[in-house]
Amino acid sequence: MGATKTRPWDIVDSLNSEARIAAYLEAALEDGDATLVAAALGDIARAKGMSGIARRAGLGRESLYKALSPGGNPEFATVLKVIRALGMELVPRPAAKRTPRRKARRAA
């Protein structure tokens, strides 16, 4: 038997529909980690074409790569521009209520 050929997995390959893109961004937003949201936006922009997204957002391609890179810290205005350039919008809705965990009672 021949050796199995593998290639690195990249989320960008899975972001091939508007529904998948929206679900991916929604999951990142629900997590609440700003770094994760920026990374998700970067993944989505790469899937849709970074140059075109940068142009539609009115940003330079290199500055967009830098802002959405793992060490980047984009301004909120940049995040909004990128979301609009992706053809998406942020829609506020009430947060789901979470039930508090009960503490286990100890047997006496």
PDB file of N, CA and C in Angstrom:
ATOM      1  N   MET A   1       0.825  -1.193   0.000  1.00  0.00           N
ATOM      2  CA  MET A   1       0.000   0.000   0.000  1.00  0.00           C
ATOM      3  C   MET A   1       0.868   1.255   0.000  1.00  0.00           C
ATOM      4  N   GLY A   2       0.362   2.267  -0.662  1.00  0.00           N
ATOM      5  CA  GLY A   2       1.082   3.538  -0.715  1.00  0.00           C
ATOM      6  C   GLY A   2       0.798   4.369   0.532  1.00  0.00           C
ATOM      7  N   ALA A   3       1.630   5.333   0.734  1.00  0.00           N
ATOM      8  CA  ALA A   3       1.461   6.220   1.880  1.00  0.00           C
ATOM      9  C   ALA A   3       0.226   7.097   1.667  1.00  0.00           C
ATOM     10  N   THR A   4      -0.470   7.347   2.741  1.00  0.00           N
ATOM     11  CA  THR A   4      -1.635   8.222   2.686  1.00  0.00           C
ATOM     12  C   THR A   4      -1.159   9.662   2.611  1.00  0.00           C
ATOM     13  N   LYS A   5      -1.699  10.386   1.662  1.00  0.00           N
ATOM     14  CA  LYS A   5      -1.343  11.799   1.524  1.00  0.00           C
ATOM     15  C   LYS A   5      -2.350  12.618   2.322  1.00  0.00           C
ATOM     16  N   THR A   6      -1.839  13.547   3.079  1.00  0.00           N
ATOM     17  CA  THR A   6      -2.689  14.431   3.860  1.00  0.00           C
ATOM     18  C   THR A   6      -2.338  15.871   3.539  1.00  0.00           C
ATOM     19  N   ARG A   7      -3.244  16.742   3.912  1.00  0.00           N
ATOM     20  CA  ARG A   7      -2.970  18.167   3.792  1.00  0.00           C
ATOM     21  C   ARG A   7      -3.561  18.847   5.008  1.00  0.00           C
ATOM     22  N   PRO A   8      -3.010  19.959   5.407  1.00  0.00           N
ATOM     23  CA  PRO A   8      -3.537  20.645   6.593  1.00  0.00           C
ATOM     24  C   PRO A   8      -4.994  21.054   6.380  1.00  0.00           C
ATOM     25  N   TRP A   9      -5.796  20.937   7.434  1.00  0.00           N
ATOM     26  CA  TRP A   9      -7.195  21.335   7.367  1.00  0.00           C
ATOM     27  C   TRP A   9      -7.279  22.841   7.571  1.00  0.00           C
ATOM     28  N   ASP A  10      -8.128  23.483   6.798  1.00  0.00           N
ATOM     29  CA  ASP A  10      -8.325  24.923   6.905  1.00  0.00           C
ATOM     30  C   ASP A  10      -9.826  25.181   6.897  1.00  0.00           C
ATOM     31  N   ILE A  11     -10.308  25.892   7.899  1.00  0.00           N
ATOM     32  CA  ILE A  11     -11.740  26.198   8.024  1.00  0.00           C
ATOM     33  C   ILE A  11     -12.261  26.898   6.773  1.00  0.00           C
ATOM     34  N   VAL A  12     -11.399  27.631   6.096  1.00  0.00           N
ATOM     35  CA  VAL A  12     -11.809  28.382   4.903  1.00  0.00           C
ATOM     36  C   VAL A  12     -12.460  27.453   3.872  1.00  0.00           C
ATOM     37  N   ASP A  13     -11.964  26.218   3.784  1.00  0.00           N
ATOM     38  CA  ASP A  13     -12.541  25.261   2.834  1.00  0.00           C
ATOM     39  C   ASP A  13     -13.990  24.919   3.160  1.00  0.00           C
ATOM     40  N   SER A  14     -14.383  25.078   4.424  1.00  0.00           N
ATOM     41  CA  SER A  14     -15.742  24.749   4.852  1.00  0.00           C
ATOM     42  C   SER A  14     -16.698  25.939   4.767  1.00  0.00           C
ATOM     43  N   LEU A  15     -16.159  27.121   4.595  1.00  0.00           N
ATOM     44  CA  LEU A  15     -16.996  28.323   4.563  1.00  0.00           C
ATOM     45  C   LEU A  15     -17.443  28.586   3.128  1.00  0.00           C
ATOM     46  N   ASN A  16     -18.263  27.675   2.614  1.00  0.00           N
ATOM     47  CA  ASN A  16     -18.641  27.727   1.206  1.00  0.00           C
ATOM     48  C   ASN A  16     -20.106  28.067   0.966  1.00  0.00           C
ATOM     49  N   SER A  17     -20.801  28.558   1.990  1.00  0.00           N
ATOM     50  CA  SER A  17     -22.174  29.026   1.804  1.00  0.00           C
ATOM     51  C   SER A  17     -22.448  30.144   2.808  1.00  0.00           C
ATOM     52  N   GLU A  18     -23.415  30.967   2.483  1.00  0.00           N
ATOM     53  CA  GLU A  18     -23.771  32.066   3.386  1.00  0.00           C
ATOM     54  C   GLU A  18     -24.249  31.533   4.732  1.00  0.00           C
ATOM     55  N   ALA A  19     -24.971  30.413   4.714  1.00  0.00           N
ATOM     56  CA  ALA A  19     -25.467  29.827   5.964  1.00  0.00           C
ATOM     57  C   ALA A  19     -24.308  29.364   6.850  1.00  0.00           C
ATOM     58  N   ARG A  20     -23.308  28.729   6.273  1.00  0.00           N
ATOM     59  CA  ARG A  20     -22.155  28.272   7.053  1.00  0.00           C
ATOM     60  C   ARG A  20     -21.352  29.450   7.590  1.00  0.00           C
ATOM     61  N   ILE A  21     -21.205  30.466   6.771  1.00  0.00           N
ATOM     62  CA  ILE A  21     -20.478  31.658   7.190  1.00  0.00           C
ATOM     63  C   ILE A  21     -21.199  32.325   8.353  1.00  0.00           C
ATOM     64  N   ALA A  22     -22.504  32.479   8.239  1.00  0.00           N
ATOM     65  CA  ALA A  22     -23.287  33.111   9.305  1.00  0.00           C
ATOM     66  C   ALA A  22     -23.212  32.290  10.592  1.00  0.00           C
ATOM     67  N   ALA A  23     -23.317  30.976  10.483  1.00  0.00           N
ATOM     68  CA  ALA A  23     -23.251  30.114  11.671  1.00  0.00           C
ATOM     69  C   ALA A  23     -21.877  30.202  12.339  1.00  0.00           C
ATOM     70  N   TYR A  24     -20.830  30.258  11.539  1.00  0.00           N
ATOM     71  CA  TYR A  24     -19.468  30.352  12.059  1.00  0.00           C
ATOM     72  C   TYR A  24     -19.266  31.670  12.812  1.00  0.00           C
ATOM     73  N   LEU A  25     -19.708  32.770  12.220  1.00  0.00           N
ATOM     74  CA  LEU A  25     -19.565  34.066  12.874  1.00  0.00           C
ATOM     75  C   LEU A  25     -20.440  34.137  14.123  1.00  0.00           C
ATOM     76  N   GLU A  26     -21.648  33.597  14.051  1.00  0.00           N
ATOM     77  CA  GLU A  26     -22.531  33.593  15.214  1.00  0.00           C
ATOM     78  C   GLU A  26     -21.903  32.824  16.374  1.00  0.00           C
ATOM     79  N   ALA A  27     -21.305  31.684  16.092  1.00  0.00           N
ATOM     80  CA  ALA A  27     -20.653  30.894  17.144  1.00  0.00           C
ATOM     81  C   ALA A  27     -19.495  31.676  17.771  1.00  0.00           C
ATOM     82  N   ALA A  28     -18.726  32.375  16.946  1.00  0.00           N
ATOM     83  CA  ALA A  28     -17.619  33.169  17.470  1.00  0.00           C
ATOM     84  C   ALA A  28     -18.140  34.309  18.350  1.00  0.00           C
ATOM     85  N   LEU A  29     -19.209  34.966  17.921  1.00  0.00           N
ATOM     86  CA  LEU A  29     -19.790  36.053  18.706  1.00  0.00           C
ATOM     87  C   LEU A  29     -20.364  35.537  20.022  1.00  0.00           C
ATOM     88  N   GLU A  30     -21.005  34.381  19.993  1.00  0.00           N
ATOM     89  CA  GLU A  30     -21.577  33.806  21.214  1.00  0.00           C
ATOM     90  C   GLU A  30     -20.498  33.472  22.235  1.00  0.00           C
ATOM     91  N   ASP A  31     -19.316  33.114  21.760  1.00  0.00           N
ATOM     92  CA  ASP A  31     -18.216  32.786  22.664  1.00  0.00           C
ATOM     93  C   ASP A  31     -17.802  34.009  23.472  1.00  0.00           C
ATOM     94  N   GLY A  32     -17.901  35.188  22.845  1.00  0.00           N
ATOM     95  CA  GLY A  32     -17.614  36.428  23.549  1.00  0.00           C
ATOM     96  C   GLY A  32     -16.147  36.821  23.608  1.00  0.00           C
ATOM     97  N   ASP A  33     -15.281  36.097  22.924  1.00  0.00           N
ATOM     98  CA  ASP A  33     -13.855  36.394  22.917  1.00  0.00           C
ATOM     99  C   ASP A  33     -13.536  37.246  21.687  1.00  0.00           C
ATOM    100  N   ALA A  34     -13.108  38.477  21.916  1.00  0.00           N
ATOM    101  CA  ALA A  34     -12.839  39.406  20.814  1.00  0.00           C
ATOM    102  C   ALA A  34     -11.779  38.878  19.857  1.00  0.00           C
ATOM    103  N   THR A  35     -10.787  38.183  20.384  1.00  0.00           N
ATOM    104  CA  THR A  35      -9.737  37.621  19.533  1.00  0.00           C
ATOM    105  C   THR A  35     -10.312  36.557  18.600  1.00  0.00           C
ATOM    106  N   LEU A  36     -11.213  35.752  19.131  1.00  0.00           N
ATOM    107  CA  LEU A  36     -11.850  34.710  18.326  1.00  0.00           C
ATOM    108  C   LEU A  36     -12.731  35.326  17.238  1.00  0.00           C
ATOM    109  N   VAL A  37     -13.448  36.382  17.567  1.00  0.00           N
ATOM    110  CA  VAL A  37     -14.292  37.064  16.574  1.00  0.00           C
ATOM    111  C   VAL A  37     -13.428  37.623  15.446  1.00  0.00           C
ATOM    112  N   ALA A  38     -12.328  38.268  15.796  1.00  0.00           N
ATOM    113  CA  ALA A  38     -11.428  38.823  14.774  1.00  0.00           C
ATOM    114  C   ALA A  38     -10.870  37.708  13.893  1.00  0.00           C
ATOM    115  N   ALA A  39     -10.488  36.593  14.507  1.00  0.00           N
ATOM    116  CA  ALA A  39      -9.957  35.466  13.732  1.00  0.00           C
ATOM    117  C   ALA A  39     -11.030  34.894  12.807  1.00  0.00           C
ATOM    118  N   ALA A  40     -12.263  34.787  13.291  1.00  0.00           N
ATOM    119  CA  ALA A  40     -13.363  34.281  12.462  1.00  0.00           C
ATOM    120  C   ALA A  40     -13.605  35.212  11.280  1.00  0.00           C
ATOM    121  N   LEU A  41     -13.582  36.520  11.526  1.00  0.00           N
ATOM    122  CA  LEU A  41     -13.746  37.478  10.434  1.00  0.00           C
ATOM    123  C   LEU A  41     -12.613  37.334   9.413  1.00  0.00           C
ATOM    124  N   GLY A  42     -11.408  37.089   9.900  1.00  0.00           N
ATOM    125  CA  GLY A  42     -10.278  36.873   9.003  1.00  0.00           C
ATOM    126  C   GLY A  42     -10.462  35.623   8.156  1.00  0.00           C
ATOM    127  N   ASP A  43     -10.944  34.542   8.782  1.00  0.00           N
ATOM    128  CA  ASP A  43     -11.212  33.306   8.041  1.00  0.00           C
ATOM    129  C   ASP A  43     -12.269  33.532   6.967  1.00  0.00           C
ATOM    130  N   ILE A  44     -13.327  34.241   7.337  1.00  0.00           N
ATOM    131  CA  ILE A  44     -14.421  34.496   6.392  1.00  0.00           C
ATOM    132  C   ILE A  44     -13.922  35.382   5.245  1.00  0.00           C
ATOM    133  N   ALA A  45     -13.140  36.402   5.580  1.00  0.00           N
ATOM    134  CA  ALA A  45     -12.601  37.289   4.542  1.00  0.00           C
ATOM    135  C   ALA A  45     -11.691  36.511   3.589  1.00  0.00           C
ATOM    136  N   ARG A  46     -10.891  35.577   4.125  1.00  0.00           N
ATOM    137  CA  ARG A  46     -10.045  34.760   3.250  1.00  0.00           C
ATOM    138  C   ARG A  46     -10.903  33.876   2.351  1.00  0.00           C
ATOM    139  N   ALA A  47     -12.000  33.344   2.905  1.00  0.00           N
ATOM    140  CA  ALA A  47     -12.879  32.482   2.114  1.00  0.00           C
ATOM    141  C   ALA A  47     -13.544  33.260   0.978  1.00  0.00           C
ATOM    142  N   LYS A  48     -13.865  34.520   1.232  1.00  0.00           N
ATOM    143  CA  LYS A  48     -14.561  35.331   0.230  1.00  0.00           C
ATOM    144  C   LYS A  48     -13.607  36.126  -0.652  1.00  0.00           C
ATOM    145  N   GLY A  49     -12.341  36.163  -0.274  1.00  0.00           N
ATOM    146  CA  GLY A  49     -11.353  36.926  -1.043  1.00  0.00           C
ATOM    147  C   GLY A  49     -10.945  38.178  -0.304  1.00  0.00           C
ATOM    148  N   MET A  50      -9.809  38.131   0.332  1.00  0.00           N
ATOM    149  CA  MET A  50      -9.349  39.221   1.192  1.00  0.00           C
ATOM    150  C   MET A  50      -9.234  40.546   0.437  1.00  0.00           C
ATOM    151  N   SER A  51      -8.727  40.528  -0.783  1.00  0.00           N
ATOM    152  CA  SER A  51      -8.550  41.778  -1.536  1.00  0.00           C
ATOM    153  C   SER A  51      -9.879  42.475  -1.783  1.00  0.00           C
ATOM    154  N   GLY A  52     -10.883  41.714  -2.197  1.00  0.00           N
ATOM    155  CA  GLY A  52     -12.200  42.297  -2.456  1.00  0.00           C
ATOM    156  C   GLY A  52     -12.858  42.823  -1.192  1.00  0.00           C
ATOM    157  N   ILE A  53     -12.710  42.090  -0.104  1.00  0.00           N
ATOM    158  CA  ILE A  53     -13.286  42.541   1.173  1.00  0.00           C
ATOM    159  C   ILE A  53     -12.596  43.813   1.625  1.00  0.00           C
ATOM    160  N   ALA A  54     -11.277  43.854   1.511  1.00  0.00           N
ATOM    161  CA  ALA A  54     -10.537  45.058   1.895  1.00  0.00           C
ATOM    162  C   ALA A  54     -10.990  46.260   1.067  1.00  0.00           C
ATOM    163  N   ARG A  55     -11.145  46.061  -0.225  1.00  0.00           N
ATOM    164  CA  ARG A  55     -11.577  47.153  -1.113  1.00  0.00           C
ATOM    165  C   ARG A  55     -12.974  47.637  -0.717  1.00  0.00           C
ATOM    166  N   ARG A  56     -13.912  46.709  -0.520  1.00  0.00           N
ATOM    167  CA  ARG A  56     -15.282  47.102  -0.151  1.00  0.00           C
ATOM    168  C   ARG A  56     -15.349  47.756   1.229  1.00  0.00           C
ATOM    169  N   ALA A  57     -14.431  47.372   2.112  1.00  0.00           N
ATOM    170  CA  ALA A  57     -14.394  47.959   3.459  1.00  0.00           C
ATOM    171  C   ALA A  57     -13.643  49.287   3.480  1.00  0.00           C
ATOM    172  N   GLY A  58     -12.973  49.615   2.371  1.00  0.00           N
ATOM    173  CA  GLY A  58     -12.201  50.856   2.327  1.00  0.00           C
ATOM    174  C   GLY A  58     -10.904  50.757   3.116  1.00  0.00           C
ATOM    175  N   LEU A  59     -10.340  49.550   3.164  1.00  0.00           N
ATOM    176  CA  LEU A  59      -9.116  49.315   3.916  1.00  0.00           C
ATOM    177  C   LEU A  59      -8.052  48.729   2.998  1.00  0.00           C
ATOM    178  N   GLY A  60      -6.808  48.891   3.364  1.00  0.00           N
ATOM    179  CA  GLY A  60      -5.726  48.254   2.622  1.00  0.00           C
ATOM    180  C   GLY A  60      -5.685  46.761   2.927  1.00  0.00           C
ATOM    181  N   ARG A  61      -5.348  45.969   1.936  1.00  0.00           N
ATOM    182  CA  ARG A  61      -5.326  44.511   2.126  1.00  0.00           C
ATOM    183  C   ARG A  61      -4.368  44.107   3.236  1.00  0.00           C
ATOM    184  N   GLU A  62      -3.171  44.669   3.224  1.00  0.00           N
ATOM    185  CA  GLU A  62      -2.173  44.328   4.247  1.00  0.00           C
ATOM    186  C   GLU A  62      -2.636  44.736   5.644  1.00  0.00           C
ATOM    187  N   SER A  63      -3.245  45.913   5.750  1.00  0.00           N
ATOM    188  CA  SER A  63      -3.714  46.354   7.074  1.00  0.00           C
ATOM    189  C   SER A  63      -4.874  45.475   7.554  1.00  0.00           C
ATOM    190  N   LEU A  64      -5.685  44.994   6.613  1.00  0.00           N
ATOM    191  CA  LEU A  64      -6.774  44.102   6.997  1.00  0.00           C
ATOM    192  C   LEU A  64      -6.227  42.760   7.466  1.00  0.00           C
ATOM    193  N   TYR A  65      -5.258  42.210   6.733  1.00  0.00           N
ATOM    194  CA  TYR A  65      -4.603  40.971   7.172  1.00  0.00           C
ATOM    195  C   TYR A  65      -4.043  41.143   8.586  1.00  0.00           C
ATOM    196  N   LYS A  66      -3.375  42.264   8.814  1.00  0.00           N
ATOM    197  CA  LYS A  66      -2.759  42.515  10.122  1.00  0.00           C
ATOM    198  C   LYS A  66      -3.812  42.642  11.215  1.00  0.00           C
ATOM    199  N   ALA A  67      -4.886  43.385  10.941  1.00  0.00           N
ATOM    200  CA  ALA A  67      -5.935  43.590  11.947  1.00  0.00           C
ATOM    201  C   ALA A  67      -6.631  42.287  12.325  1.00  0.00           C
ATOM    202  N   LEU A  68      -6.801  41.394  11.345  1.00  0.00           N
ATOM    203  CA  LEU A  68      -7.538  40.160  11.593  1.00  0.00           C
ATOM    204  C   LEU A  68      -6.625  38.962  11.839  1.00  0.00           C
ATOM    205  N   SER A  69      -5.338  39.213  12.012  1.00  0.00           N
ATOM    206  CA  SER A  69      -4.388  38.137  12.290  1.00  0.00           C
ATOM    207  C   SER A  69      -4.502  37.738  13.759  1.00  0.00           C
ATOM    208  N   PRO A  70      -3.934  36.597  14.133  1.00  0.00           N
ATOM    209  CA  PRO A  70      -4.024  36.148  15.529  1.00  0.00           C
ATOM    210  C   PRO A  70      -3.550  37.185  16.548  1.00  0.00           C
ATOM    211  N   GLY A  71      -2.537  37.968  16.242  1.00  0.00           N
ATOM    212  CA  GLY A  71      -2.067  38.983  17.178  1.00  0.00           C
ATOM    213  C   GLY A  71      -2.723  40.338  16.987  1.00  0.00           C
ATOM    214  N   GLY A  72      -3.585  40.448  15.978  1.00  0.00           N
ATOM    215  CA  GLY A  72      -4.216  41.726  15.665  1.00  0.00           C
ATOM    216  C   GLY A  72      -5.260  42.118  16.699  1.00  0.00           C
ATOM    217  N   ASN A  73      -5.540  43.399  16.748  1.00  0.00           N
ATOM    218  CA  ASN A  73      -6.546  43.918  17.667  1.00  0.00           C
ATOM    219  C   ASN A  73      -7.310  45.015  16.928  1.00  0.00           C
ATOM    220  N   PRO A  74      -8.233  44.619  16.033  1.00  0.00           N
ATOM    221  CA  PRO A  74      -8.906  45.622  15.203  1.00  0.00           C
ATOM    222  C   PRO A  74      -9.812  46.538  16.023  1.00  0.00           C
ATOM    223  N   GLU A  75      -9.889  47.768  15.563  1.00  0.00           N
ATOM    224  CA  GLU A  75     -10.833  48.700  16.177  1.00  0.00           C
ATOM    225  C   GLU A  75     -12.250  48.243  15.834  1.00  0.00           C
ATOM    226  N   PHE A  76     -13.198  48.640  16.661  1.00  0.00           N
ATOM    227  CA  PHE A  76     -14.584  48.240  16.423  1.00  0.00           C
ATOM    228  C   PHE A  76     -15.076  48.773  15.083  1.00  0.00           C
ATOM    229  N   ALA A  77     -14.638  49.967  14.702  1.00  0.00           N
ATOM    230  CA  ALA A  77     -15.033  50.528  13.403  1.00  0.00           C
ATOM    231  C   ALA A  77     -14.569  49.626  12.265  1.00  0.00           C
ATOM    232  N   THR A  78     -13.383  49.044  12.405  1.00  0.00           N
ATOM    233  CA  THR A  78     -12.868  48.130  11.385  1.00  0.00           C
ATOM    234  C   THR A  78     -13.716  46.875  11.329  1.00  0.00           C
ATOM    235  N   VAL A  79     -14.072  46.349  12.483  1.00  0.00           N
ATOM    236  CA  VAL A  79     -14.923  45.157  12.544  1.00  0.00           C
ATOM    237  C   VAL A  79     -16.244  45.423  11.828  1.00  0.00           C
ATOM    238  N   LEU A  80     -16.856  46.575  12.100  1.00  0.00           N
ATOM    239  CA  LEU A  80     -18.127  46.909  11.449  1.00  0.00           C
ATOM    240  C   LEU A  80     -17.970  47.035   9.933  1.00  0.00           C
ATOM    241  N   LYS A  81     -16.886  47.661   9.488  1.00  0.00           N
ATOM    242  CA  LYS A  81     -16.644  47.796   8.047  1.00  0.00           C
ATOM    243  C   LYS A  81     -16.496  46.429   7.386  1.00  0.00           C
ATOM    244  N   VAL A  82     -15.766  45.536   8.047  1.00  0.00           N
ATOM    245  CA  VAL A  82     -15.555  44.201   7.492  1.00  0.00           C
ATOM    246  C   VAL A  82     -16.876  43.426   7.442  1.00  0.00           C
ATOM    247  N   ILE A  83     -17.653  43.513   8.493  1.00  0.00           N
ATOM    248  CA  ILE A  83     -18.944  42.817   8.511  1.00  0.00           C
ATOM    249  C   ILE A  83     -19.828  43.310   7.364  1.00  0.00           C
ATOM    250  N   ARG A  84     -19.876  44.611   7.157  1.00  0.00           N
ATOM    251  CA  ARG A  84     -20.669  45.161   6.042  1.00  0.00           C
ATOM    252  C   ARG A  84     -20.103  44.709   4.699  1.00  0.00           C
ATOM    253  N   ALA A  85     -18.781  44.731   4.573  1.00  0.00           N
ATOM    254  CA  ALA A  85     -18.145  44.319   3.316  1.00  0.00           C
ATOM    255  C   ALA A  85     -18.402  42.841   3.020  1.00  0.00           C
ATOM    256  N   LEU A  86     -18.607  42.049   4.052  1.00  0.00           N
ATOM    257  CA  LEU A  86     -18.923  40.632   3.885  1.00  0.00           C
ATOM    258  C   LEU A  86     -20.387  40.411   3.507  1.00  0.00           C
ATOM    259  N   GLY A  87     -21.156  41.507   3.488  1.00  0.00           N
ATOM    260  CA  GLY A  87     -22.578  41.390   3.175  1.00  0.00           C
ATOM    261  C   GLY A  87     -23.385  40.874   4.352  1.00  0.00           C
ATOM    262  N   MET A  88     -22.888  41.126   5.560  1.00  0.00           N
ATOM    263  CA  MET A  88     -23.560  40.662   6.767  1.00  0.00           C
ATOM    264  C   MET A  88     -23.929  41.862   7.619  1.00  0.00           C
ATOM    265  N   GLU A  89     -24.684  41.603   8.657  1.00  0.00           N
ATOM    266  CA  GLU A  89     -25.029  42.646   9.608  1.00  0.00           C
ATOM    267  C   GLU A  89     -25.083  42.052  11.009  1.00  0.00           C
ATOM    268  N   LEU A  90     -24.829  42.906  11.982  1.00  0.00           N
ATOM    269  CA  LEU A  90     -24.986  42.493  13.377  1.00  0.00           C
ATOM    270  C   LEU A  90     -26.424  42.784  13.772  1.00  0.00           C
ATOM    271  N   VAL A  91     -27.066  41.795  14.329  1.00  0.00           N
ATOM    272  CA  VAL A  91     -28.461  41.964  14.721  1.00  0.00           C
ATOM    273  C   VAL A  91     -28.573  41.682  16.213  1.00  0.00           C
ATOM    274  N   PRO A  92     -28.858  42.717  17.005  1.00  0.00           N
ATOM    275  CA  PRO A  92     -28.977  42.484  18.441  1.00  0.00           C
ATOM    276  C   PRO A  92     -30.250  41.718  18.780  1.00  0.00           C
ATOM    277  N   ARG A  93     -30.125  40.844  19.751  1.00  0.00           N
ATOM    278  CA  ARG A  93     -31.284  40.119  20.268  1.00  0.00           C
ATOM    279  C   ARG A  93     -31.012  39.842  21.734  1.00  0.00           C
ATOM    280  N   PRO A  94     -32.067  39.676  22.499  1.00  0.00           N
ATOM    281  CA  PRO A  94     -31.856  39.397  23.923  1.00  0.00           C
ATOM    282  C   PRO A  94     -31.058  38.104  24.094  1.00  0.00           C
ATOM    283  N   ALA A  95     -30.163  38.131  25.046  1.00  0.00           N
ATOM    284  CA  ALA A  95     -29.364  36.939  25.328  1.00  0.00           C
ATOM    285  C   ALA A  95     -30.260  35.864  25.936  1.00  0.00           C
ATOM    286  N   ALA A  96     -29.939  34.634  25.609  1.00  0.00           N
ATOM    287  CA  ALA A  96     -30.677  33.518  26.190  1.00  0.00           C
ATOM    288  C   ALA A  96     -30.387  33.480  27.683  1.00  0.00           C
ATOM    289  N   LYS A  97     -31.425  33.266  28.454  1.00  0.00           N
ATOM    290  CA  LYS A  97     -31.225  33.172  29.904  1.00  0.00           C
ATOM    291  C   LYS A  97     -30.593  31.834  30.224  1.00  0.00           C
ATOM    292  N   ARG A  98     -29.607  31.901  31.055  1.00  0.00           N
ATOM    293  CA  ARG A  98     -28.916  30.690  31.470  1.00  0.00           C
ATOM    294  C   ARG A  98     -29.356  30.347  32.880  1.00  0.00           C
ATOM    295  N   THR A  99     -29.633  29.110  33.080  1.00  0.00           N
ATOM    296  CA  THR A  99     -30.030  28.692  34.422  1.00  0.00           C
ATOM    297  C   THR A  99     -28.785  28.475  35.264  1.00  0.00           C
ATOM    298  N   PRO A 100     -28.793  29.025  36.458  1.00  0.00           N
ATOM    299  CA  PRO A 100     -27.611  28.845  37.313  1.00  0.00           C
ATOM    300  C   PRO A 100     -27.473  27.394  37.725  1.00  0.00           C
ATOM    301  N   ARG A 101     -26.241  26.980  37.864  1.00  0.00           N
ATOM    302  CA  ARG A 101     -25.989  25.612  38.308  1.00  0.00           C
ATOM    303  C   ARG A 101     -26.284  25.508  39.797  1.00  0.00           C
ATOM    304  N   ARG A 102     -26.902  24.419  40.163  1.00  0.00           N
ATOM    305  CA  ARG A 102     -27.162  24.181  41.571  1.00  0.00           C
ATOM    306  C   ARG A 102     -25.948  23.520  42.202  1.00  0.00           C
ATOM    307  N   LYS A 103     -25.676  23.921  43.411  1.00  0.00           N
ATOM    308  CA  LYS A 103     -24.587  23.282  44.133  1.00  0.00           C
ATOM    309  C   LYS A 103     -25.095  21.957  44.679  1.00  0.00           C
ATOM    310  N   ALA A 104     -24.271  20.979  44.589  1.00  0.00           N
ATOM    311  CA  ALA A 104     -24.658  19.662  45.102  1.00  0.00           C
ATOM    312  C   ALA A 104     -24.718  19.722  46.626  1.00  0.00           C
ATOM    313  N   ARG A 105     -25.770  19.149  47.161  1.00  0.00           N
ATOM    314  CA  ARG A 105     -25.903  19.118  48.620  1.00  0.00           C
ATOM    315  C   ARG A 105     -25.127  17.911  49.154  1.00  0.00           C
ATOM    316  N   ARG A 106     -24.475  18.174  50.238  1.00  0.00           N
ATOM    317  CA  ARG A 106     -23.721  17.082  50.867  1.00  0.00           C
ATOM    318  C   ARG A 106     -24.646  16.314  51.810  1.00  0.00           C
ATOM    319  N   ALA A 107     -24.463  15.027  51.802  1.00  0.00           N
ATOM    320  CA  ALA A 107     -25.245  14.200  52.714  1.00  0.00           C
ATOM    321  C   ALA A 107     -24.712  14.397  54.138  1.00  0.00           C
ATOM    322  N   ALA A 108     -25.645  14.541  55.073  1.00  0.00           N
ATOM    323  CA  ALA A 108     -25.227  14.786  56.460  1.00  0.00           C
ATOM    324  C   ALA A 108     -24.899  13.532  57.204  1.00  0.00           C
TER     325      ALA A 108
END
